[in-house]
Amino acid sequence: MPSADASVLEVIELTKVFRDFWGRESVKALDGLTFDVRRGEVFGLLGPNGSGKTTTVRIVLGLLFPTRGGVSIFGKSPRSVEIKKRVGYMPEESHLYSYMNAEETLDFFGRLFRLPGAERARRTDALIDMVGLQRARKRPIGQYSKGMARRIGLAQSLINDPDFLILDEPTTGLDPIGTREIKELILSLRNMGKTILLCSHLLGDVQEVCDRICILYGGRQRALGPVSELLAASDVTQIRAPRLDEATLRRVMAVIEESSGAESRVEVSSPTRPLEEYFLDVVDEARRQKLATAGAERGTAAASFLGGGQVEAERLVEELVEAGREPQQQAPAAEPIAAIPVQQDTAFITELVDQSSKPEAERKVEQARPAVSAEPAIRRGVLDELMADARKDRKADEGKAP
C-alpha cells in the first residue's frame, strides 16, 4: 500500500456484514476489500449489481460503519468534519429540492459550506455555465429532465471546490452530448489536480477516463490495475495503414502467413467510426447552423475556481495590482444615529402623565396646536395611546362618581 502522502483514499481489509433483527448474519456485502486511490488520478470502481460498490461508497462517506477493516481519506477518518469539507459527492439519484431553481440550489449548498455571498454568486454562475444550464437557471428543478437534474447534481458536488470527488453513475440519464461533456470535464478536473472515484455501469465511459480500475464481485476484489494493462491483448498484433490495393494486400498476407504459419487467422477489414463520434459530428453541424433547441446547451470548460489555490492566488494578485493602479478613495463615513437620552424620555413621559390630569378643554386647545415636524413618529404614536387611555380612565371615574 502506498503511504498516506501518495494516496487520497485507503481501503484496508474492509468487511461489512449486515445482520437481521436477531443479530444473525444475513448479507456479507464486503469481504476483505483492499485498494487505494492515488492523488490526481481517476479510479473506477466497477462490478455488477450487489457486488458491494454502494456499500463501499457509503463507508467512504462515513454513512456506514465497517464491521472490520478501515478507511482513511487524506490519512484521517471519513467521519471527520474537516475531511468532509474536502470531499464532493454526486449520488446515483440527485435528491434536490424540486421547488428551488438552479441558482437557489447552488446558493443553498454554498451556504452549508459557509461561503461568503460574493463567492457563492461567482461559483454559482461559473458552475451553471459549466454544465450548460444557462437558459434553465431560473426554472424549478422539479421541471428538469433527468439529464438536466444530473447536470445540476454535478454542479452541486463541486460548489465547495473539493479535493476528492466521488461520482456515482455520473452519466446516467444524459444524452450522448452530455455524456461526452461529463467525460471531458472529468479529465479536466484530473488535470487540475483533483482526485476522482468513479462508479459506473457504462464500461465504455470508464475505459475512456479512468487511469486504474477495481472490479468487485461478491464483495471481493477480482481485478485491480491500470486500464491499459488489464485490457491489453498481448497475443495479437494490430496494424493500421492507409487503404491498400489488392496486390499489396496479397503480398502482406503472404508475409504474415509465412512468419506465423498457414493456420494463423488473419482478419482484414476497414475500421469503423464509433457511433458516439458520428452522433456528435451531426449535432455539431446542427449547432453551426444555429438551430434552436429547448434542451440543455453545451457546457463550458471547468470553472476557474476549481483549479485550487494556484488559480485563486493568481486572481488575488491581479486584483491587488488593479487596486494599486486606481486612486484610493475613502468612502464617506456614515452619519451616527443620534441616541435619545434616558432623561429626555423620562421627562417626556412625565409631561404626558401631567397632561392627562389637565381639564379636557385645556387638552383640546393644546391638541389643536400644529404638530412640530421634528417630533418622531414613534412619540406621536405613544402620545395618542396615552391620551386614549387617559380618556378611558376619566370616563370610568365619572361613571363611578355619585
Foldseek 3Di string as FASTA:
>chain_A
DDDLVFFQKWWFQFWAFDADPVRHTDATQAGGATDTFTWLFEEEEEEDPSQNPVVVVCLLCVNDDTPDTAMDGSNHHNPDPVQNLQEFEQAPQQDFDQQAFLLVRQLVLLVVSPDDPVLSVQLSVLLCQQLQCPVRRRPGNNPAFRQVSLSSSVSSRCSSLHQEYEYEASCPPPDLLSLVSVLQQLQVLSVLTHTYYYYHPPVVSCLVGGQKYFYGGSNYTDDIDGSCVVPDDPVDDDDDDPDDDPVVVVVVVVVVCVVPHVPDDDDDDDDDDDPSVVVVVVVVVVVVVVDDDPHGDRHDHRGQPSSPPVSVVVVVVVVVVVVVVDDDDDDDDDDDDDDDDPVVVVVVVVVLVVLLPDDPVVNVVVVPDDDDPVDDPVVVVVSVVSNVVSVVVVVVVVVPDD
